C-alpha atoms as a PDB file:
ATOM      1  CA  MET A   1     -32.331-229.140 -22.616  1.00  0.00           C
ATOM      2  CA  TYR A   2     -34.870-228.412 -19.615  1.00  0.00           C
ATOM      3  CA  GLY A   3     -34.500-228.944 -15.923  1.00  0.00           C
ATOM      4  CA  PRO A   4     -31.528-229.073 -13.589  1.00  0.00           C
ATOM      5  CA  ASP A   5     -29.261-229.644 -16.250  1.00  0.00           C
ATOM      6  CA  ARG A   6     -30.361-226.697 -18.175  1.00  0.00           C
ATOM      7  CA  LEU A   7     -29.778-224.575 -14.721  1.00  0.00           C
ATOM      8  CA  LEU A   8     -26.513-226.134 -14.119  1.00  0.00           C
ATOM      9  CA  ARG A   9     -25.223-225.653 -17.741  1.00  0.00           C
ATOM     10  CA  ASP A  10     -26.165-221.996 -17.841  1.00  0.00           C
ATOM     11  CA  LEU A  11     -24.332-221.471 -14.896  1.00  0.00           C
ATOM     12  CA  LEU A  12     -21.106-223.094 -15.533  1.00  0.00           C
ATOM     13  CA  GLU A  13     -21.110-221.453 -18.695  1.00  0.00           C
ATOM     14  CA  MET A  14     -21.616-218.219 -16.975  1.00  0.00           C
ATOM     15  CA  GLY A  15     -18.385-218.920 -15.063  1.00  0.00           C
ATOM     16  CA  TYR A  16     -20.023-220.093 -11.809  1.00  0.00           C
ATOM     17  CA  GLU A  17     -18.789-222.885  -9.979  1.00  0.00           C
ATOM     18  CA  ALA A  18     -21.930-224.935  -9.471  1.00  0.00           C
ATOM     19  CA  GLU A  19     -23.138-228.345  -8.876  1.00  0.00           C
ATOM     20  CA  ARG A  20     -26.598-230.277  -8.560  1.00  0.00           C
ATOM     21  CA  VAL A  21     -27.836-231.129  -4.982  1.00  0.00           C
ATOM     22  CA  SER A  22     -30.726-233.298  -4.304  1.00  0.00           C
ATOM     23  CA  SER A  23     -32.666-232.983  -0.879  1.00  0.00           C
ATOM     24  CA  GLY A  24     -34.230-235.870   0.956  1.00  0.00           C
ATOM     25  CA  GLY A  25     -37.291-234.518   0.074  1.00  0.00           C
ATOM     26  CA  GLY A  26     -37.015-235.228  -3.589  1.00  0.00           C
ATOM     27  CA  ASN A  27     -36.193-231.643  -4.814  1.00  0.00           C
ATOM     28  CA  VAL A  28     -33.275-230.802  -6.930  1.00  0.00           C
ATOM     29  CA  TYR A  29     -31.309-227.493  -6.600  1.00  0.00           C
ATOM     30  CA  VAL A  30     -28.308-226.146  -8.195  1.00  0.00           C
ATOM     31  CA  VAL A  31     -26.030-224.923  -5.674  1.00  0.00           C
ATOM     32  CA  ILE A  32     -23.544-222.025  -6.686  1.00  0.00           C
ATOM     33  CA  ARG A  33     -20.342-222.191  -4.435  1.00  0.00           C
ATOM     34  CA  GLY A  34     -18.570-219.013  -3.540  1.00  0.00           C
ATOM     35  CA  PHE A  35     -21.552-216.788  -5.046  1.00  0.00           C
ATOM     36  CA  VAL A  36     -20.236-213.210  -4.515  1.00  0.00           C
ATOM     37  CA  VAL A  37     -23.163-210.765  -3.531  1.00  0.00           C
ATOM     38  CA  GLN A  38     -23.124-207.854  -5.719  1.00  0.00           C
ATOM     39  CA  VAL A  39     -25.260-205.439  -4.272  1.00  0.00           C
ATOM     40  CA  GLY A  40     -27.284-204.089  -1.156  1.00  0.00           C
ATOM     41  CA  ARG A  41     -26.044-204.035   2.410  1.00  0.00           C
ATOM     42  CA  PHE A  42     -24.490-207.702   1.857  1.00  0.00           C
ATOM     43  CA  ALA A  43     -22.316-206.679  -1.085  1.00  0.00           C
ATOM     44  CA  ASP A  44     -19.202-208.491  -1.374  1.00  0.00           C
ATOM     45  CA  ARG A  45     -20.092-211.182   1.048  1.00  0.00           C
ATOM     46  CA  VAL A  46     -19.263-214.731  -0.328  1.00  0.00           C
ATOM     47  CA  ILE A  47     -22.197-217.280   0.241  1.00  0.00           C
ATOM     48  CA  ASP A  48     -23.387-220.602  -1.274  1.00  0.00           C
ATOM     49  CA  LEU A  49     -26.356-219.798  -3.033  1.00  0.00           C
ATOM     50  CA  GLY A  50     -29.072-222.689  -3.730  1.00  0.00           C
ATOM     51  CA  LEU A  51     -31.630-222.428  -6.747  1.00  0.00           C
ATOM     52  CA  LEU A  52     -34.647-224.822  -6.870  1.00  0.00           C
ATOM     53  CA  ALA A  53     -34.595-226.513 -10.313  1.00  0.00           C
ATOM     54  CA  PRO A  54     -37.814-227.763 -11.573  1.00  0.00           C
ATOM     55  CA  GLN A  55     -37.587-230.468 -14.233  1.00  0.00           C
ATOM     56  CA  ASP A  56     -39.103-227.846 -16.838  1.00  0.00           C
ATOM     57  CA  TYR A  57     -36.473-224.823 -15.857  1.00  0.00           C
ATOM     58  CA  PRO A  58     -36.646-222.529 -17.586  1.00  0.00           C
ATOM     59  CA  ARG A  59     -40.509-222.900 -18.317  1.00  0.00           C
ATOM     60  CA  THR A  60     -41.211-222.442 -14.609  1.00  0.00           C
ATOM     61  CA  VAL A  61     -38.627-221.316 -11.905  1.00  0.00           C
ATOM     62  CA  GLY A  62     -38.912-222.212  -8.108  1.00  0.00           C
ATOM     63  CA  SER A  63     -39.792-219.634  -5.610  1.00  0.00           C
ATOM     64  CA  SER A  64     -37.308-219.229  -3.353  1.00  0.00           C
ATOM     65  CA  ILE A  65     -33.137-218.663  -2.816  1.00  0.00           C
ATOM     66  CA  HIS A  66     -31.477-220.793  -0.390  1.00  0.00           C
ATOM     67  CA  VAL A  67     -28.706-219.036   1.392  1.00  0.00           C
ATOM     68  CA  ARG A  68     -25.577-220.605   3.411  1.00  0.00           C
ATOM     69  CA  ALA A  69     -23.294-217.926   4.680  1.00  0.00           C
ATOM     70  CA  THR A  70     -20.910-217.655   8.091  1.00  0.00           C
ATOM     71  CA  PRO A  71     -22.129-215.958   9.791  1.00  0.00           C
ATOM     72  CA  GLN A  72     -25.926-216.215   8.362  1.00  0.00           C
ATOM     73  CA  LEU A  73     -26.748-213.192   6.413  1.00  0.00           C
ATOM     74  CA  LEU A  74     -30.681-213.021   7.806  1.00  0.00           C
ATOM     75  CA  GLU A  75     -31.870-215.349  10.585  1.00  0.00           C
ATOM     76  CA  TYR A  76     -35.487-216.711  10.338  1.00  0.00           C
ATOM     77  CA  GLY A  77     -38.297-214.236  10.380  1.00  0.00           C
ATOM     78  CA  SER A  78     -40.906-212.421   8.298  1.00  0.00           C
ATOM     79  CA  VAL A  79     -41.092-208.912   7.193  1.00  0.00           C
ATOM     80  CA  PRO A  80     -44.776-208.654   5.530  1.00  0.00           C
ATOM     81  CA  ASN A  81     -44.241-207.759   1.852  1.00  0.00           C
ATOM     82  CA  VAL A  82     -40.415-207.449   2.069  1.00  0.00           C
ATOM     83  CA  ARG A  83     -39.143-211.177   2.880  1.00  0.00           C
ATOM     84  CA  ASN A  84     -39.881-214.507   4.902  1.00  0.00           C
ATOM     85  CA  ILE A  85     -37.429-216.767   6.056  1.00  0.00           C
ATOM     86  CA  ILE A  86     -37.480-220.228   7.110  1.00  0.00           C
ATOM     87  CA  GLN A  87     -35.583-223.446   7.062  1.00  0.00           C
ATOM     88  CA  SER A  88     -34.522-224.868   3.576  1.00  0.00           C
ATOM     89  CA  GLY A  89     -34.749-228.600   2.471  1.00  0.00           C
ATOM     90  CA  LEU A  90     -30.894-228.094   1.957  1.00  0.00           C
ATOM     91  CA  GLY A  91     -30.337-228.586   5.836  1.00  0.00           C
ATOM     92  CA  PRO A  92     -29.825-226.809   9.038  1.00  0.00           C
ATOM     93  CA  GLU A  93     -27.121-224.382   7.778  1.00  0.00           C
ATOM     94  CA  TRP A  94     -29.136-223.192   5.092  1.00  0.00           C
ATOM     95  CA  ARG A  95     -31.900-220.494   5.158  1.00  0.00           C
ATOM     96  CA  TYR A  96     -34.956-220.577   2.661  1.00  0.00           C
ATOM     97  CA  TRP A  97     -35.750-216.752   1.573  1.00  0.00           C
ATOM     98  CA  SER A  98     -39.293-216.895  -0.065  1.00  0.00           C
ATOM     99  CA  HIS A  99     -39.570-214.581  -3.359  1.00  0.00           C
ATOM    100  CA  ASN A 100     -41.698-214.998  -6.200  1.00  0.00           C
ATOM    101  CA  PHE A 101     -39.879-214.148  -9.347  1.00  0.00           C
ATOM    102  CA  GLY A 102     -41.583-212.482 -11.914  1.00  0.00           C
ATOM    103  CA  TRP A 103     -41.280-215.089 -14.751  1.00  0.00           C
ATOM    104  CA  SER A 104     -43.068-213.293 -17.794  1.00  0.00           C
ATOM    105  CA  GLY A 105     -40.841-212.245 -20.712  1.00  0.00           C
ATOM    106  CA  GLU A 106     -37.110-213.665 -20.993  1.00  0.00           C
ATOM    107  CA  ARG A 107     -36.844-216.784 -19.104  1.00  0.00           C
ATOM    108  CA  SER A 108     -33.097-217.250 -19.035  1.00  0.00           C
ATOM    109  CA  THR A 109     -30.479-217.879 -16.326  1.00  0.00           C
ATOM    110  CA  ARG A 110     -29.142-214.349 -16.437  1.00  0.00           C
ATOM    111  CA  ARG A 111     -32.591-212.983 -15.993  1.00  0.00           C
ATOM    112  CA  LEU A 112     -33.032-215.311 -12.903  1.00  0.00           C
ATOM    113  CA  LEU A 113     -29.714-214.053 -11.475  1.00  0.00           C
ATOM    114  CA  SER A 114     -30.770-210.441 -11.941  1.00  0.00           C
ATOM    115  CA  GLN A 115     -33.753-211.032 -10.078  1.00  0.00           C
ATOM    116  CA  VAL A 116     -31.637-212.713  -7.335  1.00  0.00           C
ATOM    117  CA  ASN A 117     -29.269-209.701  -6.978  1.00  0.00           C
ATOM    118  CA  THR A 118     -32.705-207.636  -6.782  1.00  0.00           C
ATOM    119  CA  ILE A 119     -33.112-209.697  -3.812  1.00  0.00           C
ATOM    120  CA  PHE A 120     -30.183-209.002  -2.016  1.00  0.00           C
ATOM    121  CA  ALA A 121     -30.645-205.139  -2.986  1.00  0.00           C
ATOM    122  CA  ASN A 122     -34.016-205.145  -1.509  1.00  0.00           C
ATOM    123  CA  ALA A 123     -32.966-207.545   1.714  1.00  0.00           C
END
């Protein structure tokens, strides 16, 4: 099994409340509702976390996370070699945090979430 269904299944099996969401631009995401940030300055914040779900996931992975929080964790802007936050295809209440996941070696949803935690650790 590949694609959004695979990512969704993996997250549900890991105990997350997740759903498949399509954007107006034709992209498919899997959104984790009530995701608790584990590390970094935003530890213990509860957010909605969107992950782009390519049709061949886990062969490939999206290059970003999408964050919805009240208040937002970070607003739009760029810090060279650290982060770039722009508008998200999920809507105006979301922020797209650009990131290039290192997707060599094990290609699993657990590893993807580990890398998401690294993003928050370095935010």
